[in-house]
Protein backbone atom coordinates (compact mmCIF):
# COMPACT_ATOMS: atom_id res chain seq x y z
CA MET A 1 4.80 2.00 -82.53
CA PRO A 2 5.82 1.85 -79.04
CA VAL A 3 6.80 5.21 -77.76
CA LYS A 4 10.59 4.10 -76.67
CA PHE A 5 10.52 3.41 -80.86
CA TYR A 6 10.59 7.10 -81.71
CA PHE A 7 13.22 8.24 -79.17
CA GLU A 8 15.48 5.46 -80.49
CA LYS A 9 14.88 5.00 -84.27
CA ARG A 10 12.41 7.87 -85.45
CA ALA A 11 14.75 10.97 -84.10
CA THR A 12 16.27 12.54 -87.72
CA GLU A 13 17.41 15.98 -88.55
CA LYS A 14 14.79 15.90 -90.87
CA LEU A 15 11.30 15.24 -89.75
CA HIS A 16 9.97 12.47 -91.42
CA SER A 17 6.05 13.71 -92.87
CA GLU A 18 5.27 9.72 -93.32
CA MET A 19 4.73 8.95 -89.44
CA GLY A 20 1.91 8.69 -87.94
CA MET A 21 -0.56 5.98 -86.18
CA PRO A 22 -3.94 4.45 -86.88
CA ASN A 23 -6.75 6.87 -85.65
CA MET A 24 -10.40 5.92 -84.06
CA VAL A 25 -12.81 8.18 -84.44
CA SER A 26 -15.13 9.03 -81.36
CA PHE A 27 -17.40 6.04 -79.37
CA GLU A 28 -20.42 7.99 -80.32
CA SER A 29 -19.28 8.73 -83.76
CA LEU A 30 -18.62 4.63 -84.52
CA LYS A 31 -22.07 3.92 -83.50
CA GLN A 32 -23.33 6.25 -85.88
CA MET A 33 -21.42 4.73 -88.60
CA ILE A 34 -21.48 1.30 -88.00
CA PRO A 35 -24.88 -0.95 -87.59
CA ASP A 36 -24.60 -2.42 -83.89
CA SER A 37 -24.00 -5.93 -84.48
CA ALA A 38 -20.79 -5.22 -86.49
CA LEU A 39 -19.40 -2.99 -84.03
CA TRP A 40 -17.69 -5.78 -81.39
CA PRO A 41 -15.45 -7.45 -82.51
CA ILE A 42 -13.82 -5.37 -84.69
CA ASP A 43 -14.20 -6.81 -87.78
CA ARG A 44 -13.66 -5.92 -92.11
CA LEU A 45 -16.44 -3.11 -91.69
CA TRP A 46 -14.51 -1.19 -89.75
CA GLY A 47 -11.80 -1.02 -92.48
CA VAL A 48 -14.28 1.19 -94.73
CA HIS A 49 -13.89 3.90 -92.32
CA ASP A 50 -10.48 3.60 -92.30
CA PHE A 51 -9.24 1.49 -89.87
CA ASN A 52 -8.09 -1.84 -90.58
CA LEU A 53 -6.50 -4.02 -88.12
CA GLU A 54 -4.25 -5.37 -91.32
CA SER A 55 -2.21 -3.52 -94.47
CA ALA A 56 -0.35 -0.63 -93.61
CA GLN A 57 -2.32 0.77 -90.58
CA ASN A 58 -1.34 -2.76 -88.36
CA GLY A 59 -4.59 -2.15 -86.55
CA TYR A 60 -3.49 -5.17 -84.22
CA SER A 61 -0.60 -4.23 -83.64
CA PHE A 62 -1.93 -0.81 -82.56
CA ILE A 63 -4.42 -2.31 -80.20
CA GLN A 64 -1.82 -4.95 -78.78
CA GLN A 65 0.27 -1.86 -77.92
CA ILE A 66 -2.92 -0.68 -76.04
CA GLN A 67 -3.33 -3.21 -74.22
CA ASP A 68 0.26 -3.54 -72.86
CA ASN A 69 0.09 -0.11 -71.77
CA PHE A 70 -3.91 -0.17 -70.31
CA GLY A 71 -5.00 -3.82 -69.60
CA THR A 72 -6.84 -5.68 -71.61
CA VAL A 73 -9.68 -4.41 -74.37
CA ASN A 74 -12.65 -6.09 -74.07
CA ASP A 75 -15.12 -3.72 -75.54
CA LEU A 76 -15.87 -1.11 -77.77
CA LYS A 77 -16.24 1.71 -74.98
CA ARG A 78 -13.27 0.67 -73.29
CA LEU A 79 -11.42 0.31 -76.34
CA ALA A 80 -12.61 4.07 -77.45
CA LEU A 81 -11.13 5.38 -74.22
CA THR A 82 -7.51 4.05 -74.05
CA ARG A 83 -7.53 4.33 -77.84
CA THR A 84 -7.42 8.81 -76.90
CA VAL A 85 -4.92 8.09 -74.82
CA GLY A 86 -2.65 5.72 -76.85
CA GLN A 87 -2.74 8.25 -79.33
CA LEU A 88 -1.36 10.62 -77.09
CA SER A 89 1.30 9.45 -76.10
CA GLY A 90 2.43 8.04 -79.43
CA TYR A 91 2.18 11.14 -81.05
CA ARG A 92 3.46 12.94 -77.85
CA ALA A 93 5.91 10.74 -78.32
CA MET A 94 6.93 11.45 -81.94
CA PHE A 95 7.34 15.31 -81.04
CA GLU A 96 9.01 15.11 -78.14
CA ALA A 97 11.98 12.85 -79.87
CA GLN A 98 12.26 14.93 -82.68
CA SER A 99 12.64 17.49 -80.43
CA LYS A 100 15.38 16.29 -78.48
CA ILE A 101 17.47 16.64 -81.24
CA GLY A 102 16.84 19.88 -82.41
CA TRP A 103 14.14 19.57 -84.99
CA THR A 104 14.19 24.07 -85.86
CA ALA A 105 15.64 23.29 -89.34
CA ALA A 106 13.07 20.39 -89.78
CA LEU A 107 9.91 23.00 -89.37
CA ASP A 108 11.73 25.44 -91.23
CA GLU A 109 11.80 22.97 -94.13
CA SER A 110 8.72 21.04 -93.30
CA PHE A 111 6.06 23.34 -92.36
CA GLY A 112 7.08 26.73 -93.69
CA MET A 113 5.90 26.96 -96.51
CA ALA A 114 2.64 25.53 -95.67
CA PHE A 115 2.10 28.49 -92.57
CA HIS A 116 3.30 31.18 -94.72
CA GLY A 117 0.23 29.95 -97.64
CA MET A 118 -1.86 29.46 -94.76
CA ALA A 119 -1.05 33.23 -93.82
CA ASP A 120 -1.65 34.14 -97.21
CA VAL A 121 -6.02 33.39 -97.36
């Protein structure tokens, strides 16, 4: 989603646990997982490694947003670099939008039990 989406539509009094975005591994990891012949352009084999262009991840939309913000992506190295900044911007927007309305209660409710459980390990 565009960054403004999180400020306009997703900042609520309760933290939404299902927000996220497609995730891509590093360029080096991609080269180890996918044969050179299937590295570029992105194809169905990428879906085996959890980056789908369609379905719930909507990788097409994610790549389009990266191109809207950082220019044309026409090779794998550029995609790997720009997706890092794109993911940082997206996750930052999620947390900043939520904090805009005050998210202390949401953190307590959503994460308190998880952190409490971790402290007991």
